[in-house]
Amino acid sequence: MIDFKIIGYQRVGNALRMLASTHPEVIEDTLGEWAQDIRHELKSMPYPPKRPNQKYIRTGRLANSWNVKKDKPGQVSIQNSARGDRGQFY
């Protein structure tokens, strides 16, 4: 059985950050799950209401282009690769 008693949470937070930086494999699974959850939230955000006289046709390209990339152990990037018709990023 493990028992925790936190006496100065600043020191605990610093120790956890140090553990994550020196042993990234400890947080790998948790970080990956968190990043996927954020990706899902970004993907499911509703579009704002259509503006009067709006000619732009919503394709869903922006929402469907979110992805999670593992940069190195313990580090991920949440990216969007959507490009417009002329090749520029949204």
PDB file of N, CA and C in Angstrom:
ATOM      1  N   MET A   1       0.838  -1.181   0.000  1.00  0.00           N
ATOM      2  CA  MET A   1       0.000   0.000   0.000  1.00  0.00           C
ATOM      3  C   MET A   1       0.877   1.236   0.000  1.00  0.00           C
ATOM      4  N   ILE A   2       0.472   2.226  -0.770  1.00  0.00           N
ATOM      5  CA  ILE A   2       1.211   3.488  -0.849  1.00  0.00           C
ATOM      6  C   ILE A   2       0.362   4.579  -0.222  1.00  0.00           C
ATOM      7  N   ASP A   3       1.000   5.394   0.579  1.00  0.00           N
ATOM      8  CA  ASP A   3       0.317   6.494   1.246  1.00  0.00           C
ATOM      9  C   ASP A   3       1.046   7.790   0.898  1.00  0.00           C
ATOM     10  N   PHE A   4       0.311   8.807   0.449  1.00  0.00           N
ATOM     11  CA  PHE A   4       0.893  10.095   0.105  1.00  0.00           C
ATOM     12  C   PHE A   4       0.446  11.159   1.087  1.00  0.00           C
ATOM     13  N   LYS A   5       1.390  11.987   1.492  1.00  0.00           N
ATOM     14  CA  LYS A   5       1.063  13.159   2.296  1.00  0.00           C
ATOM     15  C   LYS A   5       1.790  14.334   1.653  1.00  0.00           C
ATOM     16  N   ILE A   6       1.042  15.309   1.143  1.00  0.00           N
ATOM     17  CA  ILE A   6       1.635  16.436   0.426  1.00  0.00           C
ATOM     18  C   ILE A   6       1.788  17.598   1.380  1.00  0.00           C
ATOM     19  N   ILE A   7       3.046  18.010   1.585  1.00  0.00           N
ATOM     20  CA  ILE A   7       3.310  19.128   2.506  1.00  0.00           C
ATOM     21  C   ILE A   7       3.802  20.310   1.686  1.00  0.00           C
ATOM     22  N   GLY A   8       3.653  20.869   0.872  1.00  0.00           N
ATOM     23  CA  GLY A   8       4.225  21.924   0.061  1.00  0.00           C
ATOM     24  C   GLY A   8       4.102  21.524  -1.393  1.00  0.00           C
ATOM     25  N   TYR A   9       2.958  21.801  -1.926  1.00  0.00           N
ATOM     26  CA  TYR A   9       2.671  21.281  -3.250  1.00  0.00           C
ATOM     27  C   TYR A   9       3.616  21.839  -4.319  1.00  0.00           C
ATOM     28  N   GLN A  10       4.229  23.003  -4.072  1.00  0.00           N
ATOM     29  CA  GLN A  10       5.182  23.551  -5.046  1.00  0.00           C
ATOM     30  C   GLN A  10       6.340  22.584  -5.248  1.00  0.00           C
ATOM     31  N   ARG A  11       6.837  22.043  -4.154  1.00  0.00           N
ATOM     32  CA  ARG A  11       7.955  21.105  -4.239  1.00  0.00           C
ATOM     33  C   ARG A  11       7.527  19.825  -4.939  1.00  0.00           C
ATOM     34  N   VAL A  12       6.292  19.406  -4.698  1.00  0.00           N
ATOM     35  CA  VAL A  12       5.786  18.199  -5.355  1.00  0.00           C
ATOM     36  C   VAL A  12       5.660  18.439  -6.855  1.00  0.00           C
ATOM     37  N   GLY A  13       5.096  19.584  -7.238  1.00  0.00           N
ATOM     38  CA  GLY A  13       4.969  19.917  -8.653  1.00  0.00           C
ATOM     39  C   GLY A  13       6.327  19.980  -9.336  1.00  0.00           C
ATOM     40  N   ASN A  14       7.308  20.587  -8.666  1.00  0.00           N
ATOM     41  CA  ASN A  14       8.651  20.659  -9.239  1.00  0.00           C
ATOM     42  C   ASN A  14       9.260  19.270  -9.388  1.00  0.00           C
ATOM     43  N   ALA A  15       9.035  18.423  -8.404  1.00  0.00           N
ATOM     44  CA  ALA A  15       9.572  17.062  -8.471  1.00  0.00           C
ATOM     45  C   ALA A  15       8.909  16.273  -9.597  1.00  0.00           C
ATOM     46  N   LEU A  16       7.608  16.468  -9.795  1.00  0.00           N
ATOM     47  CA  LEU A  16       6.917  15.776 -10.885  1.00  0.00           C
ATOM     48  C   LEU A  16       7.409  16.267 -12.248  1.00  0.00           C
ATOM     49  N   ARG A  17       7.644  17.583 -12.377  1.00  0.00           N
ATOM     50  CA  ARG A  17       8.194  18.109 -13.631  1.00  0.00           C
ATOM     51  C   ARG A  17       9.591  17.546 -13.885  1.00  0.00           C
ATOM     52  N   MET A  18      10.395  17.436 -12.830  1.00  0.00           N
ATOM     53  CA  MET A  18      11.739  16.874 -12.964  1.00  0.00           C
ATOM     54  C   MET A  18      11.653  15.406 -13.379  1.00  0.00           C
ATOM     55  N   LEU A  19      10.739  14.658 -12.768  1.00  0.00           N
ATOM     56  CA  LEU A  19      10.563  13.252 -13.127  1.00  0.00           C
ATOM     57  C   LEU A  19      10.154  13.122 -14.590  1.00  0.00           C
ATOM     58  N   ALA A  20       9.242  13.976 -15.038  1.00  0.00           N
ATOM     59  CA  ALA A  20       8.785  13.926 -16.426  1.00  0.00           C
ATOM     60  C   ALA A  20       9.916  14.266 -17.394  1.00  0.00           C
ATOM     61  N   SER A  21      10.802  15.177 -17.023  1.00  0.00           N
ATOM     62  CA  SER A  21      11.888  15.542 -17.935  1.00  0.00           C
ATOM     63  C   SER A  21      13.017  14.525 -17.928  1.00  0.00           C
ATOM     64  N   THR A  22      13.257  13.875 -16.791  1.00  0.00           N
ATOM     65  CA  THR A  22      14.349  12.899 -16.738  1.00  0.00           C
ATOM     66  C   THR A  22      13.910  11.498 -17.136  1.00  0.00           C
ATOM     67  N   HIS A  23      12.627  11.192 -16.977  1.00  0.00           N
ATOM     68  CA  HIS A  23      12.093   9.869 -17.339  1.00  0.00           C
ATOM     69  C   HIS A  23      10.784  10.037 -18.117  1.00  0.00           C
ATOM     70  N   PRO A  24      10.856  10.504 -19.363  1.00  0.00           N
ATOM     71  CA  PRO A  24       9.639  10.780 -20.125  1.00  0.00           C
ATOM     72  C   PRO A  24       8.767   9.557 -20.376  1.00  0.00           C
ATOM     73  N   GLU A  25       9.351   8.371 -20.329  1.00  0.00           N
ATOM     74  CA  GLU A  25       8.557   7.163 -20.551  1.00  0.00           C
ATOM     75  C   GLU A  25       7.488   6.967 -19.481  1.00  0.00           C
ATOM     76  N   VAL A  26       7.673   7.582 -18.314  1.00  0.00           N
ATOM     77  CA  VAL A  26       6.699   7.470 -17.225  1.00  0.00           C
ATOM     78  C   VAL A  26       5.381   8.126 -17.608  1.00  0.00           C
ATOM     79  N   ILE A  27       5.445   9.229 -18.349  1.00  0.00           N
ATOM     80  CA  ILE A  27       4.227   9.976 -18.682  1.00  0.00           C
ATOM     81  C   ILE A  27       3.752   9.742 -20.106  1.00  0.00           C
ATOM     82  N   GLU A  28       4.450   8.890 -20.858  1.00  0.00           N
ATOM     83  CA  GLU A  28       4.159   8.702 -22.280  1.00  0.00           C
ATOM     84  C   GLU A  28       2.693   8.352 -22.544  1.00  0.00           C
ATOM     85  N   ASP A  29       2.159   7.354 -21.858  1.00  0.00           N
ATOM     86  CA  ASP A  29       0.780   6.926 -22.100  1.00  0.00           C
ATOM     87  C   ASP A  29      -0.229   8.009 -21.718  1.00  0.00           C
ATOM     88  N   THR A  30      -0.026   8.621 -20.562  1.00  0.00           N
ATOM     89  CA  THR A  30      -0.941   9.658 -20.093  1.00  0.00           C
ATOM     90  C   THR A  30      -0.915  10.865 -21.027  1.00  0.00           C
ATOM     91  N   LEU A  31       0.263  11.262 -21.462  1.00  0.00           N
ATOM     92  CA  LEU A  31       0.398  12.391 -22.371  1.00  0.00           C
ATOM     93  C   LEU A  31      -0.274  12.095 -23.708  1.00  0.00           C
ATOM     94  N   GLY A  32      -0.092  10.881 -24.209  1.00  0.00           N
ATOM     95  CA  GLY A  32      -0.722  10.492 -25.469  1.00  0.00           C
ATOM     96  C   GLY A  32      -2.238  10.515 -25.394  1.00  0.00           C
ATOM     97  N   GLU A  33      -2.786  10.010 -24.291  1.00  0.00           N
ATOM     98  CA  GLU A  33      -4.245  10.024 -24.108  1.00  0.00           C
ATOM     99  C   GLU A  33      -4.764  11.453 -24.021  1.00  0.00           C
ATOM    100  N   TRP A  34      -4.045  12.307 -23.289  1.00  0.00           N
ATOM    101  CA  TRP A  34      -4.451  13.706 -23.161  1.00  0.00           C
ATOM    102  C   TRP A  34      -4.463  14.386 -24.536  1.00  0.00           C
ATOM    103  N   ALA A  35      -3.406  14.170 -25.318  1.00  0.00           N
ATOM    104  CA  ALA A  35      -3.315  14.796 -26.635  1.00  0.00           C
ATOM    105  C   ALA A  35      -4.447  14.323 -27.551  1.00  0.00           C
ATOM    106  N   GLN A  36      -4.785  13.043 -27.496  1.00  0.00           N
ATOM    107  CA  GLN A  36      -5.889  12.532 -28.311  1.00  0.00           C
ATOM    108  C   GLN A  36      -7.218  13.136 -27.875  1.00  0.00           C
ATOM    109  N   ASP A  37      -7.400  13.322 -26.567  1.00  0.00           N
ATOM    110  CA  ASP A  37      -8.625  13.963 -26.068  1.00  0.00           C
ATOM    111  C   ASP A  37      -8.740  15.401 -26.581  1.00  0.00           C
ATOM    112  N   ILE A  38      -7.634  16.141 -26.534  1.00  0.00           N
ATOM    113  CA  ILE A  38      -7.643  17.523 -27.023  1.00  0.00           C
ATOM    114  C   ILE A  38      -7.919  17.547 -28.522  1.00  0.00           C
ATOM    115  N   ARG A  39      -7.314  16.630 -29.271  1.00  0.00           N
ATOM    116  CA  ARG A  39      -7.558  16.531 -30.712  1.00  0.00           C
ATOM    117  C   ARG A  39      -9.037  16.301 -30.989  1.00  0.00           C
ATOM    118  N   HIS A  40      -9.645  15.409 -30.202  1.00  0.00           N
ATOM    119  CA  HIS A  40     -11.067  15.123 -30.379  1.00  0.00           C
ATOM    120  C   HIS A  40     -11.910  16.375 -30.096  1.00  0.00           C
ATOM    121  N   GLU A  41     -11.560  17.114 -29.040  1.00  0.00           N
ATOM    122  CA  GLU A  41     -12.296  18.349 -28.724  1.00  0.00           C
ATOM    123  C   GLU A  41     -12.178  19.360 -29.862  1.00  0.00           C
ATOM    124  N   LEU A  42     -10.971  19.530 -30.384  1.00  0.00           N
ATOM    125  CA  LEU A  42     -10.769  20.475 -31.482  1.00  0.00           C
ATOM    126  C   LEU A  42     -11.543  20.050 -32.723  1.00  0.00           C
ATOM    127  N   LYS A  43     -11.535  18.757 -32.995  1.00  0.00           N
ATOM    128  CA  LYS A  43     -12.219  18.241 -34.182  1.00  0.00           C
ATOM    129  C   LYS A  43     -13.737  18.398 -34.074  1.00  0.00           C
ATOM    130  N   SER A  44     -14.266  18.320 -32.864  1.00  0.00           N
ATOM    131  CA  SER A  44     -15.718  18.357 -32.699  1.00  0.00           C
ATOM    132  C   SER A  44     -16.269  19.744 -32.377  1.00  0.00           C
ATOM    133  N   MET A  45     -15.430  20.771 -32.407  1.00  0.00           N
ATOM    134  CA  MET A  45     -15.928  22.126 -32.146  1.00  0.00           C
ATOM    135  C   MET A  45     -16.894  22.529 -33.251  1.00  0.00           C
ATOM    136  N   PRO A  46     -18.055  23.052 -32.890  1.00  0.00           N
ATOM    137  CA  PRO A  46     -19.019  23.449 -33.921  1.00  0.00           C
ATOM    138  C   PRO A  46     -18.571  24.717 -34.645  1.00  0.00           C
ATOM    139  N   TYR A  47     -18.956  24.785 -35.902  1.00  0.00           N
ATOM    140  CA  TYR A  47     -18.690  26.012 -36.658  1.00  0.00           C
ATOM    141  C   TYR A  47     -19.568  27.130 -36.109  1.00  0.00           C
ATOM    142  N   PRO A  48     -19.092  28.370 -36.191  1.00  0.00           N
ATOM    143  CA  PRO A  48     -19.970  29.490 -35.820  1.00  0.00           C
ATOM    144  C   PRO A  48     -21.095  29.592 -36.844  1.00  0.00           C
ATOM    145  N   PRO A  49     -22.171  30.283 -36.507  1.00  0.00           N
ATOM    146  CA  PRO A  49     -23.277  30.414 -37.454  1.00  0.00           C
ATOM    147  C   PRO A  49     -22.828  31.078 -38.753  1.00  0.00           C
ATOM    148  N   LYS A  50     -23.474  30.715 -39.820  1.00  0.00           N
ATOM    149  CA  LYS A  50     -23.163  31.286 -41.135  1.00  0.00           C
ATOM    150  C   LYS A  50     -23.503  32.776 -41.115  1.00  0.00           C
ATOM    151  N   ARG A  51     -22.597  33.570 -41.655  1.00  0.00           N
ATOM    152  CA  ARG A  51     -22.804  35.013 -41.707  1.00  0.00           C
ATOM    153  C   ARG A  51     -23.740  35.364 -42.857  1.00  0.00           C
ATOM    154  N   PRO A  52     -24.413  36.502 -42.786  1.00  0.00           N
ATOM    155  CA  PRO A  52     -25.262  36.925 -43.899  1.00  0.00           C
ATOM    156  C   PRO A  52     -24.419  37.105 -45.165  1.00  0.00           C
ATOM    157  N   ASN A  53     -24.935  36.666 -46.279  1.00  0.00           N
ATOM    158  CA  ASN A  53     -24.264  36.783 -47.578  1.00  0.00           C
ATOM    159  C   ASN A  53     -22.936  36.024 -47.666  1.00  0.00           C
ATOM    160  N   GLN A  54     -22.747  35.044 -46.809  1.00  0.00           N
ATOM    161  CA  GLN A  54     -21.504  34.274 -46.837  1.00  0.00           C
ATOM    162  C   GLN A  54     -21.477  33.363 -48.053  1.00  0.00           C
ATOM    163  N   LYS A  55     -20.372  33.421 -48.809  1.00  0.00           N
ATOM    164  CA  LYS A  55     -20.240  32.599 -50.010  1.00  0.00           C
ATOM    165  C   LYS A  55     -19.356  31.378 -49.778  1.00  0.00           C
ATOM    166  N   TYR A  56     -18.578  31.415 -48.707  1.00  0.00           N
ATOM    167  CA  TYR A  56     -17.669  30.301 -48.407  1.00  0.00           C
ATOM    168  C   TYR A  56     -18.471  29.037 -48.091  1.00  0.00           C
ATOM    169  N   ILE A  57     -18.111  27.957 -48.717  1.00  0.00           N
ATOM    170  CA  ILE A  57     -18.775  26.680 -48.461  1.00  0.00           C
ATOM    171  C   ILE A  57     -17.932  25.900 -47.467  1.00  0.00           C
ATOM    172  N   ARG A  58     -18.532  25.535 -46.364  1.00  0.00           N
ATOM    173  CA  ARG A  58     -17.804  24.823 -45.317  1.00  0.00           C
ATOM    174  C   ARG A  58     -17.600  23.374 -45.722  1.00  0.00           C
ATOM    175  N   THR A  59     -16.339  22.974 -45.740  1.00  0.00           N
ATOM    176  CA  THR A  59     -16.001  21.631 -46.201  1.00  0.00           C
ATOM    177  C   THR A  59     -15.660  20.677 -45.065  1.00  0.00           C
ATOM    178  N   GLY A  60     -15.368  21.199 -43.891  1.00  0.00           N
ATOM    179  CA  GLY A  60     -14.931  20.349 -42.779  1.00  0.00           C
ATOM    180  C   GLY A  60     -13.450  20.039 -42.850  1.00  0.00           C
ATOM    181  N   ARG A  61     -12.754  20.618 -43.812  1.00  0.00           N
ATOM    182  CA  ARG A  61     -11.328  20.348 -43.991  1.00  0.00           C
ATOM    183  C   ARG A  61     -10.523  20.737 -42.751  1.00  0.00           C
ATOM    184  N   LEU A  62     -10.827  21.884 -42.159  1.00  0.00           N
ATOM    185  CA  LEU A  62     -10.093  22.344 -40.982  1.00  0.00           C
ATOM    186  C   LEU A  62     -10.321  21.397 -39.809  1.00  0.00           C
ATOM    187  N   ALA A  63     -11.562  21.049 -39.551  1.00  0.00           N
ATOM    188  CA  ALA A  63     -11.873  20.182 -38.420  1.00  0.00           C
ATOM    189  C   ALA A  63     -11.278  18.790 -38.589  1.00  0.00           C
ATOM    190  N   ASN A  64     -11.227  18.287 -39.798  1.00  0.00           N
ATOM    191  CA  ASN A  64     -10.749  16.927 -40.022  1.00  0.00           C
ATOM    192  C   ASN A  64      -9.242  16.826 -40.194  1.00  0.00           C
ATOM    193  N   SER A  65      -8.519  17.921 -40.031  1.00  0.00           N
ATOM    194  CA  SER A  65      -7.074  17.898 -40.250  1.00  0.00           C
ATOM    195  C   SER A  65      -6.255  17.978 -38.966  1.00  0.00           C
ATOM    196  N   TRP A  66      -6.884  17.833 -37.811  1.00  0.00           N
ATOM    197  CA  TRP A  66      -6.138  17.812 -36.555  1.00  0.00           C
ATOM    198  C   TRP A  66      -5.467  16.468 -36.390  1.00  0.00           C
ATOM    199  N   ASN A  67      -4.205  16.464 -35.932  1.00  0.00           N
ATOM    200  CA  ASN A  67      -3.513  15.220 -35.659  1.00  0.00           C
ATOM    201  C   ASN A  67      -2.530  15.401 -34.512  1.00  0.00           C
ATOM    202  N   VAL A  68      -2.121  14.288 -33.947  1.00  0.00           N
ATOM    203  CA  VAL A  68      -1.168  14.275 -32.845  1.00  0.00           C
ATOM    204  C   VAL A  68       0.118  13.643 -33.354  1.00  0.00           C
ATOM    205  N   LYS A  69       1.224  14.318 -33.129  1.00  0.00           N
ATOM    206  CA  LYS A  69       2.526  13.801 -33.570  1.00  0.00           C
ATOM    207  C   LYS A  69       3.423  13.655 -32.348  1.00  0.00           C
ATOM    208  N   LYS A  70       4.017  12.484 -32.171  1.00  0.00           N
ATOM    209  CA  LYS A  70       4.984  12.280 -31.093  1.00  0.00           C
ATOM    210  C   LYS A  70       6.335  12.808 -31.579  1.00  0.00           C
ATOM    211  N   ASP A  71       6.798  13.892 -30.974  1.00  0.00           N
ATOM    212  CA  ASP A  71       8.064  14.503 -31.380  1.00  0.00           C
ATOM    213  C   ASP A  71       9.255  13.713 -30.844  1.00  0.00           C
ATOM    214  N   LYS A  72       9.197  13.399 -29.552  1.00  0.00           N
ATOM    215  CA  LYS A  72      10.208  12.581 -28.900  1.00  0.00           C
ATOM    216  C   LYS A  72       9.581  12.044 -27.626  1.00  0.00           C
ATOM    217  N   PRO A  73      10.230  11.147 -26.910  1.00  0.00           N
ATOM    218  CA  PRO A  73       9.603  10.609 -25.698  1.00  0.00           C
ATOM    219  C   PRO A  73       9.180  11.721 -24.728  1.00  0.00           C
ATOM    220  N   GLY A  74       7.926  11.692 -24.328  1.00  0.00           N
ATOM    221  CA  GLY A  74       7.403  12.681 -23.396  1.00  0.00           C
ATOM    222  C   GLY A  74       7.046  14.009 -24.023  1.00  0.00           C
ATOM    223  N   GLN A  75       7.031  14.101 -25.340  1.00  0.00           N
ATOM    224  CA  GLN A  75       6.695  15.360 -26.006  1.00  0.00           C
ATOM    225  C   GLN A  75       5.837  15.073 -27.232  1.00  0.00           C
ATOM    226  N   VAL A  76       4.680  15.734 -27.307  1.00  0.00           N
ATOM    227  CA  VAL A  76       3.786  15.584 -28.446  1.00  0.00           C
ATOM    228  C   VAL A  76       3.407  16.961 -28.983  1.00  0.00           C
ATOM    229  N   SER A  77       3.016  16.998 -30.245  1.00  0.00           N
ATOM    230  CA  SER A  77       2.505  18.218 -30.861  1.00  0.00           C
ATOM    231  C   SER A  77       1.105  17.934 -31.367  1.00  0.00           C
ATOM    232  N   ILE A  78       0.195  18.874 -31.140  1.00  0.00           N
ATOM    233  CA  ILE A  78      -1.144  18.790 -31.699  1.00  0.00           C
ATOM    234  C   ILE A  78      -1.141  19.769 -32.873  1.00  0.00           C
ATOM    235  N   GLN A  79      -1.286  19.241 -34.077  1.00  0.00           N
ATOM    236  CA  GLN A  79      -1.101  20.043 -35.276  1.00  0.00           C
ATOM    237  C   GLN A  79      -2.336  20.007 -36.158  1.00  0.00           C
ATOM    238  N   ASN A  80      -2.419  21.004 -37.017  1.00  0.00           N
ATOM    239  CA  ASN A  80      -3.468  21.022 -38.032  1.00  0.00           C
ATOM    240  C   ASN A  80      -2.796  21.234 -39.376  1.00  0.00           C
ATOM    241  N   SER A  81      -3.040  20.320 -40.291  1.00  0.00           N
ATOM    242  CA  SER A  81      -2.367  20.367 -41.587  1.00  0.00           C
ATOM    243  C   SER A  81      -3.270  20.871 -42.712  1.00  0.00           C
ATOM    244  N   ALA A  82      -4.407  21.465 -42.376  1.00  0.00           N
ATOM    245  CA  ALA A  82      -5.354  21.921 -43.395  1.00  0.00           C
ATOM    246  C   ALA A  82      -4.763  23.048 -44.230  1.00  0.00           C
ATOM    247  N   ARG A  83      -4.963  22.927 -45.525  1.00  0.00           N
ATOM    248  CA  ARG A  83      -4.515  23.965 -46.464  1.00  0.00           C
ATOM    249  C   ARG A  83      -5.695  24.377 -47.327  1.00  0.00           C
ATOM    250  N   GLY A  84      -5.692  25.623 -47.726  1.00  0.00           N
ATOM    251  CA  GLY A  84      -6.726  26.132 -48.619  1.00  0.00           C
ATOM    252  C   GLY A  84      -6.471  25.712 -50.047  1.00  0.00           C
ATOM    253  N   ASP A  85      -7.322  26.155 -50.951  1.00  0.00           N
ATOM    254  CA  ASP A  85      -7.215  25.799 -52.366  1.00  0.00           C
ATOM    255  C   ASP A  85      -5.904  26.275 -52.988  1.00  0.00           C
ATOM    256  N   ARG A  86      -5.334  27.325 -52.468  1.00  0.00           N
ATOM    257  CA  ARG A  86      -4.073  27.853 -53.021  1.00  0.00           C
ATOM    258  C   ARG A  86      -2.851  27.297 -52.306  1.00  0.00           C
ATOM    259  N   GLY A  87      -3.042  26.341 -51.410  1.00  0.00           N
ATOM    260  CA  GLY A  87      -1.928  25.686 -50.745  1.00  0.00           C
ATOM    261  C   GLY A  87      -1.450  26.324 -49.461  1.00  0.00           C
ATOM    262  N   GLN A  88      -2.069  27.423 -49.045  1.00  0.00           N
ATOM    263  CA  GLN A  88      -1.630  28.051 -47.805  1.00  0.00           C
ATOM    264  C   GLN A  88      -2.386  27.450 -46.622  1.00  0.00           C
ATOM    265  N   PHE A  89      -1.731  27.467 -45.457  1.00  0.00           N
ATOM    266  CA  PHE A  89      -2.380  26.956 -44.249  1.00  0.00           C
ATOM    267  C   PHE A  89      -3.559  27.853 -43.873  1.00  0.00           C
ATOM    268  N   TYR A  90      -4.589  27.249 -43.293  1.00  0.00           N
ATOM    269  CA  TYR A  90      -5.736  28.012 -42.831  1.00  0.00           C
ATOM    270  C   TYR A  90      -5.302  28.956 -41.743  1.00  0.00           C
TER     271      TYR A  90
END
